[in-house]
Amino acid sequence: MKKSSFHILRVGLAITFLWIGILIFKNPEAWGGYLEPWAVGLLPIPLSEAMIGTAIIDIIIGALLLTDTLIWLAALAGLCLR
């Protein structure tokens, strides 16, 4: 039970990160609406580029989790990103 629950959680998180990354790629401007206006002013790059960077990071984290590669690095990156 303990081993299978770990794999189910890992695959579920991987699919979530991959799906969110794909959705952000499809429409980065819409996802930028989740940022507070004061935070948008702090960005050194345009909002759409920042969201595309977030999408790339989400997809990398999802791929690492799904392929069972560097899981602790992916988990740490996912924790810092959220």
PDB file of N, CA and C in Angstrom:
ATOM      1  N   MET A   1       0.828  -1.194   0.000  1.00  0.00           N
ATOM      2  CA  MET A   1       0.000   0.000   0.000  1.00  0.00           C
ATOM      3  C   MET A   1       0.869   1.253   0.000  1.00  0.00           C
ATOM      4  N   LYS A   2       1.898   1.256   0.849  1.00  0.00           N
ATOM      5  CA  LYS A   2       2.734   2.444   0.975  1.00  0.00           C
ATOM      6  C   LYS A   2       3.465   2.751  -0.330  1.00  0.00           C
ATOM      7  N   LYS A   3       3.963   1.711  -0.997  1.00  0.00           N
ATOM      8  CA  LYS A   3       4.702   1.919  -2.229  1.00  0.00           C
ATOM      9  C   LYS A   3       3.778   2.353  -3.367  1.00  0.00           C
ATOM     10  N   SER A   4       2.616   1.754  -3.462  1.00  0.00           N
ATOM     11  CA  SER A   4       1.704   2.122  -4.551  1.00  0.00           C
ATOM     12  C   SER A   4       1.129   3.518  -4.354  1.00  0.00           C
ATOM     13  N   SER A   5       0.894   3.916  -3.118  1.00  0.00           N
ATOM     14  CA  SER A   5       0.352   5.259  -2.888  1.00  0.00           C
ATOM     15  C   SER A   5       1.369   6.334  -3.282  1.00  0.00           C
ATOM     16  N   PHE A   6       2.644   6.064  -3.091  1.00  0.00           N
ATOM     17  CA  PHE A   6       3.685   7.005  -3.504  1.00  0.00           C
ATOM     18  C   PHE A   6       3.667   7.191  -5.020  1.00  0.00           C
ATOM     19  N   HIS A   7       3.535   6.097  -5.754  1.00  0.00           N
ATOM     20  CA  HIS A   7       3.523   6.184  -7.214  1.00  0.00           C
ATOM     21  C   HIS A   7       2.261   6.879  -7.725  1.00  0.00           C
ATOM     22  N   ILE A   8       1.135   6.611  -7.103  1.00  0.00           N
ATOM     23  CA  ILE A   8      -0.112   7.269  -7.502  1.00  0.00           C
ATOM     24  C   ILE A   8      -0.012   8.770  -7.257  1.00  0.00           C
ATOM     25  N   LEU A   9       0.513   9.173  -6.120  1.00  0.00           N
ATOM     26  CA  LEU A   9       0.678  10.592  -5.817  1.00  0.00           C
ATOM     27  C   LEU A   9       1.658  11.250  -6.787  1.00  0.00           C
ATOM     28  N   ARG A  10       2.759  10.576  -7.084  1.00  0.00           N
ATOM     29  CA  ARG A  10       3.766  11.118  -7.994  1.00  0.00           C
ATOM     30  C   ARG A  10       3.199  11.313  -9.395  1.00  0.00           C
ATOM     31  N   VAL A  11       2.484  10.330  -9.908  1.00  0.00           N
ATOM     32  CA  VAL A  11       1.902  10.440 -11.248  1.00  0.00           C
ATOM     33  C   VAL A  11       0.810  11.503 -11.273  1.00  0.00           C
ATOM     34  N   GLY A  12       0.008  11.580 -10.222  1.00  0.00           N
ATOM     35  CA  GLY A  12      -1.033  12.607 -10.157  1.00  0.00           C
ATOM     36  C   GLY A  12      -0.458  14.016 -10.152  1.00  0.00           C
ATOM     37  N   LEU A  13       0.593  14.224  -9.385  1.00  0.00           N
ATOM     38  CA  LEU A  13       1.254  15.535  -9.378  1.00  0.00           C
ATOM     39  C   LEU A  13       1.897  15.843 -10.727  1.00  0.00           C
ATOM     40  N   ALA A  14       2.488  14.835 -11.344  1.00  0.00           N
ATOM     41  CA  ALA A  14       3.117  15.040 -12.651  1.00  0.00           C
ATOM     42  C   ALA A  14       2.092  15.469 -13.688  1.00  0.00           C
ATOM     43  N   ILE A  15       0.957  14.800 -13.711  1.00  0.00           N
ATOM     44  CA  ILE A  15      -0.093  15.158 -14.666  1.00  0.00           C
ATOM     45  C   ILE A  15      -0.603  16.561 -14.388  1.00  0.00           C
ATOM     46  N   THR A  16      -0.741  16.918 -13.121  1.00  0.00           N
ATOM     47  CA  THR A  16      -1.207  18.262 -12.768  1.00  0.00           C
ATOM     48  C   THR A  16      -0.231  19.328 -13.255  1.00  0.00           C
ATOM     49  N   PHE A  17       1.053  19.155 -12.991  1.00  0.00           N
ATOM     50  CA  PHE A  17       2.046  20.134 -13.437  1.00  0.00           C
ATOM     51  C   PHE A  17       2.103  20.216 -14.963  1.00  0.00           C
ATOM     52  N   LEU A  18       2.059  19.072 -15.643  1.00  0.00           N
ATOM     53  CA  LEU A  18       2.085  19.085 -17.104  1.00  0.00           C
ATOM     54  C   LEU A  18       0.856  19.792 -17.671  1.00  0.00           C
ATOM     55  N   TRP A  19      -0.310  19.493 -17.124  1.00  0.00           N
ATOM     56  CA  TRP A  19      -1.551  20.081 -17.628  1.00  0.00           C
ATOM     57  C   TRP A  19      -1.575  21.598 -17.419  1.00  0.00           C
ATOM     58  N   ILE A  20      -1.176  22.052 -16.241  1.00  0.00           N
ATOM     59  CA  ILE A  20      -1.152  23.492 -15.977  1.00  0.00           C
ATOM     60  C   ILE A  20      -0.137  24.177 -16.890  1.00  0.00           C
ATOM     61  N   GLY A  21       1.016  23.558 -17.098  1.00  0.00           N
ATOM     62  CA  GLY A  21       2.011  24.133 -18.000  1.00  0.00           C
ATOM     63  C   GLY A  21       1.488  24.275 -19.419  1.00  0.00           C
ATOM     64  N   ILE A  22       0.775  23.271 -19.895  1.00  0.00           N
ATOM     65  CA  ILE A  22       0.197  23.335 -21.241  1.00  0.00           C
ATOM     66  C   ILE A  22      -0.868  24.419 -21.316  1.00  0.00           C
ATOM     67  N   LEU A  23      -1.715  24.509 -20.302  1.00  0.00           N
ATOM     68  CA  LEU A  23      -2.759  25.538 -20.296  1.00  0.00           C
ATOM     69  C   LEU A  23      -2.165  26.946 -20.261  1.00  0.00           C
ATOM     70  N   ILE A  24      -1.084  27.126 -19.513  1.00  0.00           N
ATOM     71  CA  ILE A  24      -0.441  28.444 -19.474  1.00  0.00           C
ATOM     72  C   ILE A  24       0.157  28.775 -20.837  1.00  0.00           C
ATOM     73  N   PHE A  25       0.749  27.779 -21.510  1.00  0.00           N
ATOM     74  CA  PHE A  25       1.294  28.020 -22.846  1.00  0.00           C
ATOM     75  C   PHE A  25       0.210  28.445 -23.830  1.00  0.00           C
ATOM     76  N   LYS A  26      -0.978  27.868 -23.697  1.00  0.00           N
ATOM     77  CA  LYS A  26      -2.056  28.179 -24.636  1.00  0.00           C
ATOM     78  C   LYS A  26      -2.543  29.617 -24.500  1.00  0.00           C
ATOM     79  N   ASN A  27      -2.563  30.154 -23.282  1.00  0.00           N
ATOM     80  CA  ASN A  27      -3.084  31.506 -23.073  1.00  0.00           C
ATOM     81  C   ASN A  27      -2.384  32.152 -21.876  1.00  0.00           C
ATOM     82  N   PRO A  28      -1.144  32.626 -22.055  1.00  0.00           N
ATOM     83  CA  PRO A  28      -0.398  33.172 -20.912  1.00  0.00           C
ATOM     84  C   PRO A  28      -0.988  34.463 -20.358  1.00  0.00           C
ATOM     85  N   GLU A  29      -1.647  35.256 -21.191  1.00  0.00           N
ATOM     86  CA  GLU A  29      -2.212  36.519 -20.707  1.00  0.00           C
ATOM     87  C   GLU A  29      -3.333  36.274 -19.702  1.00  0.00           C
ATOM     88  N   ALA A  30      -4.140  35.250 -19.945  1.00  0.00           N
ATOM     89  CA  ALA A  30      -5.242  34.956 -19.027  1.00  0.00           C
ATOM     90  C   ALA A  30      -4.710  34.506 -17.664  1.00  0.00           C
ATOM     91  N   TRP A  31      -3.641  33.731 -17.659  1.00  0.00           N
ATOM     92  CA  TRP A  31      -3.080  33.262 -16.398  1.00  0.00           C
ATOM     93  C   TRP A  31      -2.376  34.381 -15.652  1.00  0.00           C
ATOM     94  N   GLY A  32      -1.970  35.412 -16.366  1.00  0.00           N
ATOM     95  CA  GLY A  32      -1.353  36.563 -15.713  1.00  0.00           C
ATOM     96  C   GLY A  32      -2.327  37.311 -14.833  1.00  0.00           C
ATOM     97  N   GLY A  33      -3.612  37.114 -15.048  1.00  0.00           N
ATOM     98  CA  GLY A  33      -4.628  37.759 -14.224  1.00  0.00           C
ATOM     99  C   GLY A  33      -4.633  37.279 -12.787  1.00  0.00           C
ATOM    100  N   TYR A  34      -3.988  36.151 -12.513  1.00  0.00           N
ATOM    101  CA  TYR A  34      -3.922  35.643 -11.142  1.00  0.00           C
ATOM    102  C   TYR A  34      -2.880  36.372 -10.298  1.00  0.00           C
ATOM    103  N   LEU A  35      -2.036  37.162 -10.942  1.00  0.00           N
ATOM    104  CA  LEU A  35      -1.035  37.934 -10.195  1.00  0.00           C
ATOM    105  C   LEU A  35      -1.638  39.240  -9.701  1.00  0.00           C
ATOM    106  N   GLU A  36      -1.217  39.632  -8.535  1.00  0.00           N
ATOM    107  CA  GLU A  36      -1.653  40.923  -8.000  1.00  0.00           C
ATOM    108  C   GLU A  36      -1.024  42.047  -8.821  1.00  0.00           C
ATOM    109  N   PRO A  37      -1.733  43.170  -8.980  1.00  0.00           N
ATOM    110  CA  PRO A  37      -1.180  44.269  -9.786  1.00  0.00           C
ATOM    111  C   PRO A  37       0.168  44.790  -9.284  1.00  0.00           C
ATOM    112  N   TRP A  38       0.364  44.830  -7.964  1.00  0.00           N
ATOM    113  CA  TRP A  38       1.641  45.314  -7.454  1.00  0.00           C
ATOM    114  C   TRP A  38       2.771  44.348  -7.806  1.00  0.00           C
ATOM    115  N   ALA A  39       2.466  43.047  -7.902  1.00  0.00           N
ATOM    116  CA  ALA A  39       3.492  42.065  -8.246  1.00  0.00           C
ATOM    117  C   ALA A  39       3.867  42.161  -9.723  1.00  0.00           C
ATOM    118  N   VAL A  40       2.894  42.499 -10.563  1.00  0.00           N
ATOM    119  CA  VAL A  40       3.177  42.657 -11.993  1.00  0.00           C
ATOM    120  C   VAL A  40       4.158  43.804 -12.205  1.00  0.00           C
ATOM    121  N   GLY A  41       4.039  44.858 -11.396  1.00  0.00           N
ATOM    122  CA  GLY A  41       4.950  45.990 -11.505  1.00  0.00           C
ATOM    123  C   GLY A  41       6.378  45.654 -11.119  1.00  0.00           C
ATOM    124  N   LEU A  42       6.572  44.600 -10.349  1.00  0.00           N
ATOM    125  CA  LEU A  42       7.917  44.199  -9.936  1.00  0.00           C
ATOM    126  C   LEU A  42       8.644  43.351 -10.982  1.00  0.00           C
ATOM    127  N   LEU A  43       7.903  42.842 -11.959  1.00  0.00           N
ATOM    128  CA  LEU A  43       8.517  41.969 -12.959  1.00  0.00           C
ATOM    129  C   LEU A  43       9.431  42.761 -13.891  1.00  0.00           C
ATOM    130  N   PRO A  44      10.645  42.266 -14.125  1.00  0.00           N
ATOM    131  CA  PRO A  44      11.551  42.971 -15.041  1.00  0.00           C
ATOM    132  C   PRO A  44      11.267  42.663 -16.517  1.00  0.00           C
ATOM    133  N   ILE A  45      10.375  41.703 -16.772  1.00  0.00           N
ATOM    134  CA  ILE A  45      10.016  41.317 -18.139  1.00  0.00           C
ATOM    135  C   ILE A  45       8.506  41.432 -18.292  1.00  0.00           C
ATOM    136  N   PRO A  46       8.002  41.425 -19.517  1.00  0.00           N
ATOM    137  CA  PRO A  46       6.545  41.482 -19.698  1.00  0.00           C
ATOM    138  C   PRO A  46       5.844  40.284 -19.058  1.00  0.00           C
ATOM    139  N   LEU A  47       4.598  40.492 -18.674  1.00  0.00           N
ATOM    140  CA  LEU A  47       3.834  39.471 -17.962  1.00  0.00           C
ATOM    141  C   LEU A  47       3.701  38.186 -18.768  1.00  0.00           C
ATOM    142  N   SER A  48       3.453  38.282 -20.058  1.00  0.00           N
ATOM    143  CA  SER A  48       3.279  37.073 -20.867  1.00  0.00           C
ATOM    144  C   SER A  48       4.566  36.249 -20.915  1.00  0.00           C
ATOM    145  N   GLU A  49       5.714  36.907 -20.957  1.00  0.00           N
ATOM    146  CA  GLU A  49       6.985  36.177 -20.948  1.00  0.00           C
ATOM    147  C   GLU A  49       7.221  35.507 -19.598  1.00  0.00           C
ATOM    148  N   ALA A  50       6.837  36.159 -18.522  1.00  0.00           N
ATOM    149  CA  ALA A  50       6.972  35.559 -17.193  1.00  0.00           C
ATOM    150  C   ALA A  50       6.082  34.328 -17.069  1.00  0.00           C
ATOM    151  N   MET A  51       4.888  34.401 -17.630  1.00  0.00           N
ATOM    152  CA  MET A  51       3.986  33.260 -17.564  1.00  0.00           C
ATOM    153  C   MET A  51       4.483  32.111 -18.439  1.00  0.00           C
ATOM    154  N   ILE A  52       5.102  32.419 -19.572  1.00  0.00           N
ATOM    155  CA  ILE A  52       5.676  31.366 -20.411  1.00  0.00           C
ATOM    156  C   ILE A  52       6.836  30.694 -19.676  1.00  0.00           C
ATOM    157  N   GLY A  53       7.630  31.470 -18.950  1.00  0.00           N
ATOM    158  CA  GLY A  53       8.689  30.888 -18.123  1.00  0.00           C
ATOM    159  C   GLY A  53       8.127  29.975 -17.052  1.00  0.00           C
ATOM    160  N   THR A  54       7.020  30.384 -16.454  1.00  0.00           N
ATOM    161  CA  THR A  54       6.356  29.545 -15.458  1.00  0.00           C
ATOM    162  C   THR A  54       5.853  28.257 -16.093  1.00  0.00           C
ATOM    163  N   ALA A  55       5.317  28.354 -17.304  1.00  0.00           N
ATOM    164  CA  ALA A  55       4.833  27.164 -18.002  1.00  0.00           C
ATOM    165  C   ALA A  55       5.972  26.190 -18.280  1.00  0.00           C
ATOM    166  N   ILE A  56       7.113  26.711 -18.683  1.00  0.00           N
ATOM    167  CA  ILE A  56       8.268  25.851 -18.958  1.00  0.00           C
ATOM    168  C   ILE A  56       8.713  25.137 -17.688  1.00  0.00           C
ATOM    169  N   ILE A  57       8.764  25.854 -16.590  1.00  0.00           N
ATOM    170  CA  ILE A  57       9.159  25.244 -15.316  1.00  0.00           C
ATOM    171  C   ILE A  57       8.145  24.186 -14.897  1.00  0.00           C
ATOM    172  N   ASP A  58       6.846  24.481 -15.058  1.00  0.00           N
ATOM    173  CA  ASP A  58       5.811  23.502 -14.717  1.00  0.00           C
ATOM    174  C   ASP A  58       5.964  22.228 -15.543  1.00  0.00           C
ATOM    175  N   ILE A  59       6.226  22.370 -16.827  1.00  0.00           N
ATOM    176  CA  ILE A  59       6.357  21.201 -17.694  1.00  0.00           C
ATOM    177  C   ILE A  59       7.605  20.400 -17.342  1.00  0.00           C
ATOM    178  N   ILE A  60       8.692  21.067 -17.012  1.00  0.00           N
ATOM    179  CA  ILE A  60       9.912  20.356 -16.607  1.00  0.00           C
ATOM    180  C   ILE A  60       9.674  19.585 -15.313  1.00  0.00           C
ATOM    181  N   ILE A  61       9.024  20.218 -14.344  1.00  0.00           N
ATOM    182  CA  ILE A  61       8.735  19.539 -13.077  1.00  0.00           C
ATOM    183  C   ILE A  61       7.839  18.333 -13.322  1.00  0.00           C
ATOM    184  N   GLY A  62       6.800  18.508 -14.145  1.00  0.00           N
ATOM    185  CA  GLY A  62       5.904  17.395 -14.455  1.00  0.00           C
ATOM    186  C   GLY A  62       6.623  16.251 -15.142  1.00  0.00           C
ATOM    187  N   ALA A  63       7.513  16.571 -16.075  1.00  0.00           N
ATOM    188  CA  ALA A  63       8.258  15.529 -16.784  1.00  0.00           C
ATOM    189  C   ALA A  63       9.201  14.788 -15.840  1.00  0.00           C
ATOM    190  N   LEU A  64       9.859  15.514 -14.947  1.00  0.00           N
ATOM    191  CA  LEU A  64      10.752  14.856 -13.983  1.00  0.00           C
ATOM    192  C   LEU A  64       9.972  13.929 -13.059  1.00  0.00           C
ATOM    193  N   LEU A  65       8.818  14.373 -12.601  1.00  0.00           N
ATOM    194  CA  LEU A  65       8.009  13.526 -11.731  1.00  0.00           C
ATOM    195  C   LEU A  65       7.469  12.309 -12.477  1.00  0.00           C
ATOM    196  N   LEU A  66       7.050  12.502 -13.710  1.00  0.00           N
ATOM    197  CA  LEU A  66       6.461  11.405 -14.473  1.00  0.00           C
ATOM    198  C   LEU A  66       7.493  10.351 -14.842  1.00  0.00           C
ATOM    199  N   THR A  67       8.716  10.769 -15.140  1.00  0.00           N
ATOM    200  CA  THR A  67       9.755   9.816 -15.531  1.00  0.00           C
ATOM    201  C   THR A  67      10.531   9.262 -14.338  1.00  0.00           C
ATOM    202  N   ASP A  68      10.153   9.659 -13.145  1.00  0.00           N
ATOM    203  CA  ASP A  68      10.792   9.163 -11.919  1.00  0.00           C
ATOM    204  C   ASP A  68      12.282   9.518 -11.896  1.00  0.00           C
ATOM    205  N   THR A  69      12.600  10.724 -12.374  1.00  0.00           N
ATOM    206  CA  THR A  69      13.973  11.212 -12.428  1.00  0.00           C
ATOM    207  C   THR A  69      14.113  12.421 -11.509  1.00  0.00           C
ATOM    208  N   LEU A  70      15.123  12.407 -10.664  1.00  0.00           N
ATOM    209  CA  LEU A  70      15.389  13.537  -9.765  1.00  0.00           C
ATOM    210  C   LEU A  70      14.120  13.994  -9.037  1.00  0.00           C
ATOM    211  N   ILE A  71      13.440  13.065  -8.420  1.00  0.00           N
ATOM    212  CA  ILE A  71      12.144  13.365  -7.804  1.00  0.00           C
ATOM    213  C   ILE A  71      12.278  14.412  -6.712  1.00  0.00           C
ATOM    214  N   TRP A  72      13.305  14.340  -5.904  1.00  0.00           N
ATOM    215  CA  TRP A  72      13.426  15.305  -4.807  1.00  0.00           C
ATOM    216  C   TRP A  72      13.725  16.706  -5.329  1.00  0.00           C
ATOM    217  N   LEU A  73      14.461  16.790  -6.423  1.00  0.00           N
ATOM    218  CA  LEU A  73      14.703  18.090  -7.040  1.00  0.00           C
ATOM    219  C   LEU A  73      13.403  18.656  -7.617  1.00  0.00           C
ATOM    220  N   ALA A  74      12.633  17.809  -8.274  1.00  0.00           N
ATOM    221  CA  ALA A  74      11.352  18.253  -8.833  1.00  0.00           C
ATOM    222  C   ALA A  74      10.385  18.658  -7.727  1.00  0.00           C
ATOM    223  N   ALA A  75      10.366  17.894  -6.641  1.00  0.00           N
ATOM    224  CA  ALA A  75       9.479  18.232  -5.529  1.00  0.00           C
ATOM    225  C   ALA A  75       9.890  19.552  -4.883  1.00  0.00           C
ATOM    226  N   LEU A  76      11.177  19.769  -4.730  1.00  0.00           N
ATOM    227  CA  LEU A  76      11.654  21.025  -4.150  1.00  0.00           C
ATOM    228  C   LEU A  76      11.338  22.206  -5.066  1.00  0.00           C
ATOM    229  N   ALA A  77      11.540  22.031  -6.368  1.00  0.00           N
ATOM    230  CA  ALA A  77      11.218  23.099  -7.322  1.00  0.00           C
ATOM    231  C   ALA A  77       9.724  23.387  -7.330  1.00  0.00           C
ATOM    232  N   GLY A  78       8.913  22.350  -7.276  1.00  0.00           N
ATOM    233  CA  GLY A  78       7.465  22.546  -7.228  1.00  0.00           C
ATOM    234  C   GLY A  78       7.023  23.252  -5.967  1.00  0.00           C
ATOM    235  N   LEU A  79       7.669  22.948  -4.872  1.00  0.00           N
ATOM    236  CA  LEU A  79       7.341  23.610  -3.609  1.00  0.00           C
ATOM    237  C   LEU A  79       7.722  25.083  -3.653  1.00  0.00           C
ATOM    238  N   CYS A  80       8.885  25.381  -4.213  1.00  0.00           N
ATOM    239  CA  CYS A  80       9.325  26.781  -4.301  1.00  0.00           C
ATOM    240  C   CYS A  80       8.494  27.573  -5.296  1.00  0.00           C
ATOM    241  N   LEU A  81       8.016  26.913  -6.348  1.00  0.00           N
ATOM    242  CA  LEU A  81       7.230  27.590  -7.373  1.00  0.00           C
ATOM    243  C   LEU A  81       5.852  27.955  -6.860  1.00  0.00           C
ATOM    244  N   ARG A  82       5.280  27.165  -6.027  1.00  0.00           N
ATOM    245  CA  ARG A  82       3.930  27.414  -5.546  1.00  0.00           C
ATOM    246  C   ARG A  82       4.019  28.168  -4.267  1.00  0.00           C
TER     247      ARG A  82
END
